[in-house]
Amino acid sequence: MKKGIAIFISIIILGGCSSGEMNNGDSATPDNELSRDAISNDVPQQLKEIDNGKMDNAILYWSKSYLDLLDSSFFENRSRESFYLKSHRVYRPGEQIEIDADSLPRDGRYEVNLFKFNSTDKLFETIIEETVNRNDPDFSVQIPEGENVTYYLEQIALNTKNKVLKQEFQRLFVPYNEVNAKIDIDKTLYSSGDTMKVTLTNLGTVELGTGYGAHFEKWDGERWNPYDFEQIVYLIAIRLRTGKSFSQDVVLKGFETGTYRVIEKIPGDHKISVAFKVE
């Protein structure tokens, strides 16, 4: 476990920094050190094998080139300057998006269209067309079943004379719900006071949340027990997208001789870990 001084900084890191870095590479655990002594560890270092079928075709909802492709298709017959981007979000099938008509004039209405992107033909197909009046009760659009899909939701506000009051669109992304990750350390044999480099790599499509500070457990010969030690923890919200890694240095101050493991929790109540020894 981790304890100590907590300094809160709420940001999303998209690049590297001096005391922690994100990259596309892996930190290899030396095979020659692993073979010296077998370490009992029932929590995997990598959650599962990489699903290449999904990963090779996953929608890249953060990629500028992918967003440019989507926008060029959507605005082929629309004026880009006339539309306001209301949101850019990740959803799960079955979630609902409320259409708030209360902001319209009394005689106003929304023309609501949900479009699904056809990645083969590189065009949007209409799947929902609805009219939402100002006096309608709460109206919602439900995300259809299916994963690895991109939708655009168009809302055009009009009055009774069909004058356009405003035009909005939302980008809706439903990626694969593929959780996978791997944790690495720079070696498996340390001395007390050494600096360990810990690297977390996202091997799935679900963004991972992590941060500075590490959780440790110690082996007592029969079971793993939480291990507390003091560390200064900067509470920086770090989001790891597909293929990205985050590395940090952890000083093993006060670690006694023994067998330990560093634990990382990932979505879905999963854990990954890597074991090491201190001599």
C-alpha atoms as a PDB file:
ATOM      1  CA  MET A   1       0.000   0.000   0.000  1.00  0.00           C
ATOM      2  CA  LYS A   2       1.026   3.635  -0.242  1.00  0.00           C
ATOM      3  CA  LYS A   3       0.894   6.341   2.379  1.00  0.00           C
ATOM      4  CA  GLY A   4       2.465   9.689   3.032  1.00  0.00           C
ATOM      5  CA  ILE A   5       2.077  13.263   1.939  1.00  0.00           C
ATOM      6  CA  ALA A   6      -0.532  13.803  -0.771  1.00  0.00           C
ATOM      7  CA  ILE A   7      -0.330  16.840  -3.047  1.00  0.00           C
ATOM      8  CA  PHE A   8      -3.347  17.186  -5.336  1.00  0.00           C
ATOM      9  CA  ILE A   9      -2.977  18.261  -8.949  1.00  0.00           C
ATOM     10  CA  SER A  10      -5.877  17.304 -11.198  1.00  0.00           C
ATOM     11  CA  ILE A  11      -4.687  17.148 -14.804  1.00  0.00           C
ATOM     12  CA  ILE A  12      -4.601  14.704 -17.649  1.00  0.00           C
ATOM     13  CA  ILE A  13      -1.103  13.871 -18.831  1.00  0.00           C
ATOM     14  CA  LEU A  14      -0.759  13.315 -22.572  1.00  0.00           C
ATOM     15  CA  GLY A  15       3.024  13.394 -22.711  1.00  0.00           C
ATOM     16  CA  GLY A  16       6.106  12.690 -20.635  1.00  0.00           C
ATOM     17  CA  CYS A  17       7.611  14.586 -17.732  1.00  0.00           C
ATOM     18  CA  SER A  18      10.814  14.476 -15.722  1.00  0.00           C
ATOM     19  CA  SER A  19       9.611  12.257 -12.859  1.00  0.00           C
ATOM     20  CA  GLY A  20       7.100  10.206 -14.790  1.00  0.00           C
ATOM     21  CA  GLU A  21       6.810   9.492 -18.476  1.00  0.00           C
ATOM     22  CA  MET A  22       4.382   8.052 -20.992  1.00  0.00           C
ATOM     23  CA  ASN A  23       5.567   6.168 -24.034  1.00  0.00           C
ATOM     24  CA  ASN A  24       4.761   3.323 -26.390  1.00  0.00           C
ATOM     25  CA  GLY A  25       7.480   0.971 -25.217  1.00  0.00           C
ATOM     26  CA  ASP A  26       7.679  -1.766 -22.601  1.00  0.00           C
ATOM     27  CA  SER A  27      10.101  -2.206 -19.706  1.00  0.00           C
ATOM     28  CA  ALA A  28      11.409  -5.728 -19.932  1.00  0.00           C
ATOM     29  CA  THR A  29      11.849  -7.786 -16.759  1.00  0.00           C
ATOM     30  CA  PRO A  30      15.297  -9.467 -16.979  1.00  0.00           C
ATOM     31  CA  ASP A  31      14.945 -13.210 -17.570  1.00  0.00           C
ATOM     32  CA  ASN A  32      18.282 -14.013 -15.924  1.00  0.00           C
ATOM     33  CA  GLU A  33      17.128 -12.496 -12.642  1.00  0.00           C
ATOM     34  CA  LEU A  34      13.736 -14.179 -12.774  1.00  0.00           C
ATOM     35  CA  SER A  35      15.370 -17.583 -13.085  1.00  0.00           C
ATOM     36  CA  ARG A  36      17.493 -17.150  -9.947  1.00  0.00           C
ATOM     37  CA  ASP A  37      14.646 -17.784  -7.524  1.00  0.00           C
ATOM     38  CA  ALA A  38      11.052 -18.627  -8.267  1.00  0.00           C
ATOM     39  CA  ILE A  39       8.736 -16.058  -6.697  1.00  0.00           C
ATOM     40  CA  SER A  40       5.217 -17.183  -5.803  1.00  0.00           C
ATOM     41  CA  ASN A  41       2.754 -14.704  -7.299  1.00  0.00           C
ATOM     42  CA  ASP A  42      -0.867 -15.578  -8.056  1.00  0.00           C
ATOM     43  CA  VAL A  43      -1.646 -12.187  -9.682  1.00  0.00           C
ATOM     44  CA  PRO A  44      -0.577 -11.999 -13.343  1.00  0.00           C
ATOM     45  CA  GLN A  45       1.919  -9.465 -14.667  1.00  0.00           C
ATOM     46  CA  GLN A  46      -0.223  -9.045 -17.794  1.00  0.00           C
ATOM     47  CA  LEU A  47      -3.970  -9.440 -17.414  1.00  0.00           C
ATOM     48  CA  LYS A  48      -4.424 -11.572 -20.538  1.00  0.00           C
ATOM     49  CA  GLU A  49      -3.179 -12.142 -24.074  1.00  0.00           C
ATOM     50  CA  ILE A  50      -3.611  -9.263 -26.484  1.00  0.00           C
ATOM     51  CA  ASP A  51      -6.721  -9.601 -28.652  1.00  0.00           C
ATOM     52  CA  ASN A  52      -5.184  -8.579 -31.967  1.00  0.00           C
ATOM     53  CA  GLY A  53      -8.503  -8.968 -33.783  1.00  0.00           C
ATOM     54  CA  LYS A  54      -9.945  -6.142 -31.710  1.00  0.00           C
ATOM     55  CA  MET A  55      -6.840  -4.053 -31.256  1.00  0.00           C
ATOM     56  CA  ASP A  56      -6.013  -3.924 -34.966  1.00  0.00           C
ATOM     57  CA  ASN A  57      -9.483  -2.555 -35.788  1.00  0.00           C
ATOM     58  CA  ALA A  58     -10.276  -0.442 -32.738  1.00  0.00           C
ATOM     59  CA  ILE A  59     -11.689   3.041 -33.372  1.00  0.00           C
ATOM     60  CA  LEU A  60      -9.111   5.725 -32.592  1.00  0.00           C
ATOM     61  CA  TYR A  61     -11.435   8.281 -31.052  1.00  0.00           C
ATOM     62  CA  TRP A  62      -8.530  10.489 -29.903  1.00  0.00           C
ATOM     63  CA  SER A  63      -6.693  10.487 -33.256  1.00  0.00           C
ATOM     64  CA  LYS A  64      -6.729  13.791 -35.134  1.00  0.00           C
ATOM     65  CA  SER A  65      -6.612  12.026 -38.506  1.00  0.00           C
ATOM     66  CA  TYR A  66      -9.623   9.877 -37.542  1.00  0.00           C
ATOM     67  CA  LEU A  67     -11.566  12.914 -36.320  1.00  0.00           C
ATOM     68  CA  ASP A  68     -10.701  14.763 -39.519  1.00  0.00           C
ATOM     69  CA  LEU A  69     -12.067  11.813 -41.517  1.00  0.00           C
ATOM     70  CA  LEU A  70     -15.292  11.835 -39.504  1.00  0.00           C
ATOM     71  CA  ASP A  71     -15.787  15.577 -39.795  1.00  0.00           C
ATOM     72  CA  SER A  72     -15.049  15.645 -43.513  1.00  0.00           C
ATOM     73  CA  SER A  73     -17.768  13.047 -44.070  1.00  0.00           C
ATOM     74  CA  PHE A  74     -20.297  14.696 -41.757  1.00  0.00           C
ATOM     75  CA  PHE A  75     -19.766  18.190 -43.159  1.00  0.00           C
ATOM     76  CA  GLU A  76     -19.684  17.145 -46.795  1.00  0.00           C
ATOM     77  CA  ASN A  77     -23.174  18.645 -47.287  1.00  0.00           C
ATOM     78  CA  ARG A  78     -23.244  20.956 -44.239  1.00  0.00           C
ATOM     79  CA  SER A  79     -21.659  24.249 -43.308  1.00  0.00           C
ATOM     80  CA  ARG A  80     -19.006  23.491 -40.714  1.00  0.00           C
ATOM     81  CA  GLU A  81     -19.042  27.082 -39.454  1.00  0.00           C
ATOM     82  CA  SER A  82     -22.772  26.860 -38.678  1.00  0.00           C
ATOM     83  CA  PHE A  83     -22.447  23.964 -36.244  1.00  0.00           C
ATOM     84  CA  TYR A  84     -21.356  23.984 -32.619  1.00  0.00           C
ATOM     85  CA  LEU A  85     -19.599  20.908 -31.193  1.00  0.00           C
ATOM     86  CA  LYS A  86     -21.544  20.172 -28.015  1.00  0.00           C
ATOM     87  CA  SER A  87     -19.611  17.155 -26.744  1.00  0.00           C
ATOM     88  CA  HIS A  88     -17.004  14.508 -27.564  1.00  0.00           C
ATOM     89  CA  ARG A  89     -17.516  11.492 -25.302  1.00  0.00           C
ATOM     90  CA  VAL A  90     -17.126   7.758 -24.877  1.00  0.00           C
ATOM     91  CA  TYR A  91     -20.310   5.780 -24.162  1.00  0.00           C
ATOM     92  CA  ARG A  92     -21.424   2.218 -23.557  1.00  0.00           C
ATOM     93  CA  PRO A  93     -24.317   0.507 -25.414  1.00  0.00           C
ATOM     94  CA  GLY A  94     -27.660   1.287 -23.807  1.00  0.00           C
ATOM     95  CA  GLU A  95     -26.657   4.632 -22.327  1.00  0.00           C
ATOM     96  CA  GLN A  96     -29.060   7.492 -22.919  1.00  0.00           C
ATOM     97  CA  ILE A  97     -28.433  11.054 -24.081  1.00  0.00           C
ATOM     98  CA  GLU A  98     -31.050  13.546 -22.947  1.00  0.00           C
ATOM     99  CA  ILE A  99     -32.244  16.116 -25.477  1.00  0.00           C
ATOM    100  CA  ASP A 100     -32.908  19.266 -23.473  1.00  0.00           C
ATOM    101  CA  ALA A 101     -35.658  21.197 -25.262  1.00  0.00           C
ATOM    102  CA  ASP A 102     -36.320  23.491 -22.292  1.00  0.00           C
ATOM    103  CA  SER A 103     -33.792  25.989 -23.626  1.00  0.00           C
ATOM    104  CA  LEU A 104     -35.837  26.526 -26.812  1.00  0.00           C
ATOM    105  CA  PRO A 105     -38.437  29.261 -27.311  1.00  0.00           C
ATOM    106  CA  ARG A 106     -42.057  28.264 -26.642  1.00  0.00           C
ATOM    107  CA  ASP A 107     -42.681  27.640 -30.325  1.00  0.00           C
ATOM    108  CA  GLY A 108     -39.330  25.926 -30.836  1.00  0.00           C
ATOM    109  CA  ARG A 109     -38.461  22.362 -31.718  1.00  0.00           C
ATOM    110  CA  TYR A 110     -35.396  20.200 -32.292  1.00  0.00           C
ATOM    111  CA  GLU A 111     -34.876  18.070 -35.365  1.00  0.00           C
ATOM    112  CA  VAL A 112     -32.754  15.253 -33.958  1.00  0.00           C
ATOM    113  CA  ASN A 113     -30.776  12.844 -36.139  1.00  0.00           C
ATOM    114  CA  LEU A 114     -28.461  10.054 -35.050  1.00  0.00           C
ATOM    115  CA  PHE A 115     -25.906   8.952 -37.647  1.00  0.00           C
ATOM    116  CA  LYS A 116     -23.722   5.843 -37.578  1.00  0.00           C
ATOM    117  CA  PHE A 117     -20.342   5.951 -39.296  1.00  0.00           C
ATOM    118  CA  ASN A 118     -19.807   3.246 -41.913  1.00  0.00           C
ATOM    119  CA  SER A 119     -16.044   2.658 -41.766  1.00  0.00           C
ATOM    120  CA  THR A 120     -16.050   0.645 -44.991  1.00  0.00           C
ATOM    121  CA  ASP A 121     -17.709   3.274 -47.163  1.00  0.00           C
ATOM    122  CA  LYS A 122     -16.469   6.144 -44.969  1.00  0.00           C
ATOM    123  CA  LEU A 123     -19.861   7.801 -44.695  1.00  0.00           C
ATOM    124  CA  PHE A 124     -22.597   8.371 -42.126  1.00  0.00           C
ATOM    125  CA  GLU A 125     -25.884   6.484 -42.253  1.00  0.00           C
ATOM    126  CA  THR A 126     -29.060   7.804 -40.605  1.00  0.00           C
ATOM    127  CA  ILE A 127     -30.466   5.449 -37.970  1.00  0.00           C
ATOM    128  CA  ILE A 128     -32.753   7.762 -35.927  1.00  0.00           C
ATOM    129  CA  GLU A 129     -34.841  10.771 -36.993  1.00  0.00           C
ATOM    130  CA  GLU A 130     -36.981  12.484 -34.357  1.00  0.00           C
ATOM    131  CA  THR A 131     -38.731  15.820 -33.753  1.00  0.00           C
ATOM    132  CA  VAL A 132     -38.616  17.088 -30.169  1.00  0.00           C
ATOM    133  CA  ASN A 133     -40.974  19.973 -29.351  1.00  0.00           C
ATOM    134  CA  ARG A 134     -40.444  22.548 -26.638  1.00  0.00           C
ATOM    135  CA  ASN A 135     -43.324  21.171 -24.574  1.00  0.00           C
ATOM    136  CA  ASP A 136     -42.324  17.525 -24.942  1.00  0.00           C
ATOM    137  CA  PRO A 137     -41.395  15.661 -21.769  1.00  0.00           C
ATOM    138  CA  ASP A 138     -37.826  14.546 -21.300  1.00  0.00           C
ATOM    139  CA  PHE A 139     -36.634  12.950 -24.509  1.00  0.00           C
ATOM    140  CA  SER A 140     -33.551  10.746 -24.770  1.00  0.00           C
ATOM    141  CA  VAL A 141     -31.639   8.996 -27.508  1.00  0.00           C
ATOM    142  CA  GLN A 142     -30.424   5.534 -26.541  1.00  0.00           C
ATOM    143  CA  ILE A 143     -27.052   4.290 -27.753  1.00  0.00           C
ATOM    144  CA  PRO A 144     -27.716   1.128 -29.846  1.00  0.00           C
ATOM    145  CA  GLU A 145     -26.175  -2.224 -29.073  1.00  0.00           C
ATOM    146  CA  GLY A 146     -22.771  -2.953 -30.536  1.00  0.00           C
ATOM    147  CA  GLU A 147     -19.178  -1.940 -29.863  1.00  0.00           C
ATOM    148  CA  ASN A 148     -16.405  -0.268 -31.840  1.00  0.00           C
ATOM    149  CA  VAL A 149     -18.894   2.164 -33.367  1.00  0.00           C
ATOM    150  CA  THR A 150     -18.869   5.929 -33.914  1.00  0.00           C
ATOM    151  CA  TYR A 151     -22.040   8.035 -33.996  1.00  0.00           C
ATOM    152  CA  TYR A 152     -22.752  11.695 -34.630  1.00  0.00           C
ATOM    153  CA  LEU A 153     -25.841  13.222 -33.016  1.00  0.00           C
ATOM    154  CA  GLU A 154     -27.229  16.243 -34.837  1.00  0.00           C
ATOM    155  CA  GLN A 155     -29.614  18.733 -33.187  1.00  0.00           C
ATOM    156  CA  ILE A 156     -31.116  21.557 -35.257  1.00  0.00           C
ATOM    157  CA  ALA A 157     -33.296  24.039 -33.387  1.00  0.00           C
ATOM    158  CA  LEU A 158     -36.110  25.670 -35.383  1.00  0.00           C
ATOM    159  CA  ASN A 159     -39.076  27.928 -34.684  1.00  0.00           C
ATOM    160  CA  THR A 160     -42.587  27.635 -36.169  1.00  0.00           C
ATOM    161  CA  LYS A 161     -41.454  29.568 -39.241  1.00  0.00           C
ATOM    162  CA  ASN A 162     -38.676  26.992 -39.751  1.00  0.00           C
ATOM    163  CA  LYS A 163     -36.012  29.560 -39.022  1.00  0.00           C
ATOM    164  CA  VAL A 164     -32.836  27.862 -37.834  1.00  0.00           C
ATOM    165  CA  LEU A 165     -32.055  29.041 -34.304  1.00  0.00           C
ATOM    166  CA  LYS A 166     -28.947  26.942 -33.698  1.00  0.00           C
ATOM    167  CA  GLN A 167     -27.202  23.818 -34.978  1.00  0.00           C
ATOM    168  CA  GLU A 168     -25.286  21.439 -32.733  1.00  0.00           C
ATOM    169  CA  PHE A 169     -23.594  18.079 -33.063  1.00  0.00           C
ATOM    170  CA  GLN A 170     -22.060  15.571 -30.685  1.00  0.00           C
ATOM    171  CA  ARG A 171     -19.409  12.937 -31.313  1.00  0.00           C
ATOM    172  CA  LEU A 172     -20.367   9.655 -29.640  1.00  0.00           C
ATOM    173  CA  PHE A 173     -17.847   6.824 -29.457  1.00  0.00           C
ATOM    174  CA  VAL A 174     -18.561   3.257 -28.342  1.00  0.00           C
ATOM    175  CA  PRO A 175     -15.193   1.453 -28.268  1.00  0.00           C
ATOM    176  CA  TYR A 176     -14.596  -2.191 -27.496  1.00  0.00           C
ATOM    177  CA  ASN A 177     -14.817  -2.842 -23.760  1.00  0.00           C
ATOM    178  CA  GLU A 178     -11.390  -4.484 -23.860  1.00  0.00           C
ATOM    179  CA  VAL A 179      -9.500  -4.151 -20.570  1.00  0.00           C
ATOM    180  CA  ASN A 180      -5.888  -5.305 -20.632  1.00  0.00           C
ATOM    181  CA  ALA A 181      -2.636  -4.041 -19.172  1.00  0.00           C
ATOM    182  CA  LYS A 182       0.868  -5.042 -18.154  1.00  0.00           C
ATOM    183  CA  ILE A 183       3.122  -3.900 -15.327  1.00  0.00           C
ATOM    184  CA  ASP A 184       6.933  -3.981 -15.515  1.00  0.00           C
ATOM    185  CA  ILE A 185       9.861  -3.127 -13.276  1.00  0.00           C
ATOM    186  CA  ASP A 186      13.451  -2.504 -14.327  1.00  0.00           C
ATOM    187  CA  LYS A 187      14.834  -5.524 -12.411  1.00  0.00           C
ATOM    188  CA  THR A 188      13.783  -8.101  -9.815  1.00  0.00           C
ATOM    189  CA  LEU A 189      16.586  -7.808  -7.234  1.00  0.00           C
ATOM    190  CA  TYR A 190      17.046  -4.602  -5.212  1.00  0.00           C
ATOM    191  CA  SER A 191      18.682  -3.294  -2.070  1.00  0.00           C
ATOM    192  CA  SER A 192      16.891  -1.146   0.491  1.00  0.00           C
ATOM    193  CA  GLY A 193      16.966   2.456  -0.661  1.00  0.00           C
ATOM    194  CA  ASP A 194      17.261   1.602  -4.354  1.00  0.00           C
ATOM    195  CA  THR A 195      15.110   3.388  -6.914  1.00  0.00           C
ATOM    196  CA  MET A 196      12.685   1.144  -8.795  1.00  0.00           C
ATOM    197  CA  LYS A 197      11.249   2.104 -12.174  1.00  0.00           C
ATOM    198  CA  VAL A 198       7.632   0.928 -12.483  1.00  0.00           C
ATOM    199  CA  THR A 199       5.909   0.991 -15.882  1.00  0.00           C
ATOM    200  CA  LEU A 200       2.206   0.478 -16.606  1.00  0.00           C
ATOM    201  CA  THR A 201       1.203  -0.170 -20.241  1.00  0.00           C
ATOM    202  CA  ASN A 202      -2.346  -0.113 -21.586  1.00  0.00           C
ATOM    203  CA  LEU A 203      -2.844  -3.107 -23.895  1.00  0.00           C
ATOM    204  CA  GLY A 204      -6.612  -2.693 -24.246  1.00  0.00           C
ATOM    205  CA  THR A 205      -9.111  -0.180 -25.615  1.00  0.00           C
ATOM    206  CA  VAL A 206     -10.458   1.063 -22.277  1.00  0.00           C
ATOM    207  CA  GLU A 207      -8.616   4.094 -20.912  1.00  0.00           C
ATOM    208  CA  LEU A 208      -6.770   3.360 -17.674  1.00  0.00           C
ATOM    209  CA  GLY A 209      -6.618   5.734 -14.745  1.00  0.00           C
ATOM    210  CA  THR A 210      -3.405   5.729 -12.741  1.00  0.00           C
ATOM    211  CA  GLY A 211      -1.115   8.131 -10.908  1.00  0.00           C
ATOM    212  CA  TYR A 212       1.998   8.606  -8.828  1.00  0.00           C
ATOM    213  CA  GLY A 213       2.711   6.363  -5.864  1.00  0.00           C
ATOM    214  CA  ALA A 214       2.726   2.566  -5.746  1.00  0.00           C
ATOM    215  CA  HIS A 215       0.955  -0.168  -3.800  1.00  0.00           C
ATOM    216  CA  PHE A 216       3.139  -2.961  -2.396  1.00  0.00           C
ATOM    217  CA  GLU A 217       2.588  -6.295  -0.690  1.00  0.00           C
ATOM    218  CA  LYS A 218       5.106  -8.490   1.165  1.00  0.00           C
ATOM    219  CA  TRP A 219       5.258 -12.307   1.194  1.00  0.00           C
ATOM    220  CA  ASP A 220       5.387 -13.831   4.725  1.00  0.00           C
ATOM    221  CA  GLY A 221       5.970 -17.394   3.547  1.00  0.00           C
ATOM    222  CA  GLU A 222       2.267 -18.219   3.343  1.00  0.00           C
ATOM    223  CA  ARG A 223       0.412 -15.178   2.055  1.00  0.00           C
ATOM    224  CA  TRP A 224       0.760 -11.694   0.661  1.00  0.00           C
ATOM    225  CA  ASN A 225       0.150  -8.821   3.098  1.00  0.00           C
ATOM    226  CA  PRO A 226      -0.174  -5.079   2.437  1.00  0.00           C
ATOM    227  CA  TYR A 227       3.143  -3.298   2.959  1.00  0.00           C
ATOM    228  CA  ASP A 228       3.130   0.338   4.097  1.00  0.00           C
ATOM    229  CA  PHE A 229       5.966   2.759   3.615  1.00  0.00           C
ATOM    230  CA  GLU A 230       6.193   6.517   3.459  1.00  0.00           C
ATOM    231  CA  GLN A 231       6.203   8.211   0.070  1.00  0.00           C
ATOM    232  CA  ILE A 232       5.304  11.659  -1.167  1.00  0.00           C
ATOM    233  CA  VAL A 233       2.404  11.225  -3.579  1.00  0.00           C
ATOM    234  CA  TYR A 234       1.465  13.876  -6.118  1.00  0.00           C
ATOM    235  CA  LEU A 235      -2.208  13.253  -6.947  1.00  0.00           C
ATOM    236  CA  ILE A 236      -2.062  13.762 -10.677  1.00  0.00           C
ATOM    237  CA  ALA A 237      -4.890  12.189 -12.669  1.00  0.00           C
ATOM    238  CA  ILE A 238      -3.248  10.248 -15.485  1.00  0.00           C
ATOM    239  CA  ARG A 239      -5.250   8.685 -18.308  1.00  0.00           C
ATOM    240  CA  LEU A 240      -3.568   6.015 -20.415  1.00  0.00           C
ATOM    241  CA  ARG A 241      -5.018   5.431 -23.855  1.00  0.00           C
ATOM    242  CA  THR A 242      -4.431   2.385 -26.036  1.00  0.00           C
ATOM    243  CA  GLY A 243      -0.756   1.490 -26.361  1.00  0.00           C
ATOM    244  CA  LYS A 244       0.456   4.204 -23.998  1.00  0.00           C
ATOM    245  CA  SER A 245       2.726   3.642 -21.007  1.00  0.00           C
ATOM    246  CA  PHE A 246       3.411   5.561 -17.827  1.00  0.00           C
ATOM    247  CA  SER A 247       6.665   5.131 -15.887  1.00  0.00           C
ATOM    248  CA  GLN A 248       7.552   6.406 -12.455  1.00  0.00           C
ATOM    249  CA  ASP A 249      10.446   6.072 -10.022  1.00  0.00           C
ATOM    250  CA  VAL A 250       9.755   4.677  -6.547  1.00  0.00           C
ATOM    251  CA  VAL A 251      12.403   4.822  -3.812  1.00  0.00           C
ATOM    252  CA  LEU A 252      12.394   1.602  -1.756  1.00  0.00           C
ATOM    253  CA  LYS A 253      13.216   3.454   1.448  1.00  0.00           C
ATOM    254  CA  GLY A 254      13.219   1.271   4.551  1.00  0.00           C
ATOM    255  CA  PHE A 255      12.453  -1.989   2.716  1.00  0.00           C
ATOM    256  CA  GLU A 256      13.739  -4.951   4.692  1.00  0.00           C
ATOM    257  CA  THR A 257      15.070  -8.166   3.202  1.00  0.00           C
ATOM    258  CA  GLY A 258      12.236 -10.182   1.705  1.00  0.00           C
ATOM    259  CA  THR A 259       9.951 -10.842  -1.242  1.00  0.00           C
ATOM    260  CA  TYR A 260       7.560  -8.151  -2.411  1.00  0.00           C
ATOM    261  CA  ARG A 261       5.220  -7.354  -5.256  1.00  0.00           C
ATOM    262  CA  VAL A 262       3.921  -4.100  -6.687  1.00  0.00           C
ATOM    263  CA  ILE A 263       0.164  -4.140  -7.391  1.00  0.00           C
ATOM    264  CA  GLU A 264      -1.860  -2.116  -9.899  1.00  0.00           C
ATOM    265  CA  LYS A 265      -5.664  -2.110  -9.979  1.00  0.00           C
ATOM    266  CA  ILE A 266      -7.352  -1.798 -13.355  1.00  0.00           C
ATOM    267  CA  PRO A 267     -11.051  -1.510 -14.384  1.00  0.00           C
ATOM    268  CA  GLY A 268     -13.367  -4.434 -13.712  1.00  0.00           C
ATOM    269  CA  ASP A 269     -11.906  -5.266 -10.279  1.00  0.00           C
ATOM    270  CA  HIS A 270      -8.815  -6.713 -11.951  1.00  0.00           C
ATOM    271  CA  LYS A 271      -5.276  -6.610 -10.627  1.00  0.00           C
ATOM    272  CA  ILE A 272      -1.858  -7.080 -12.171  1.00  0.00           C
ATOM    273  CA  SER A 273       1.438  -7.351 -10.327  1.00  0.00           C
ATOM    274  CA  VAL A 274       5.126  -8.086 -10.601  1.00  0.00           C
ATOM    275  CA  ALA A 275       7.244  -9.575  -7.807  1.00  0.00           C
ATOM    276  CA  PHE A 276      10.789  -8.753  -6.718  1.00  0.00           C
ATOM    277  CA  LYS A 277      13.274  -9.363  -3.917  1.00  0.00           C
ATOM    278  CA  VAL A 278      15.113  -7.048  -1.584  1.00  0.00           C
ATOM    279  CA  GLU A 279      18.467  -8.314  -0.233  1.00  0.00           C
END
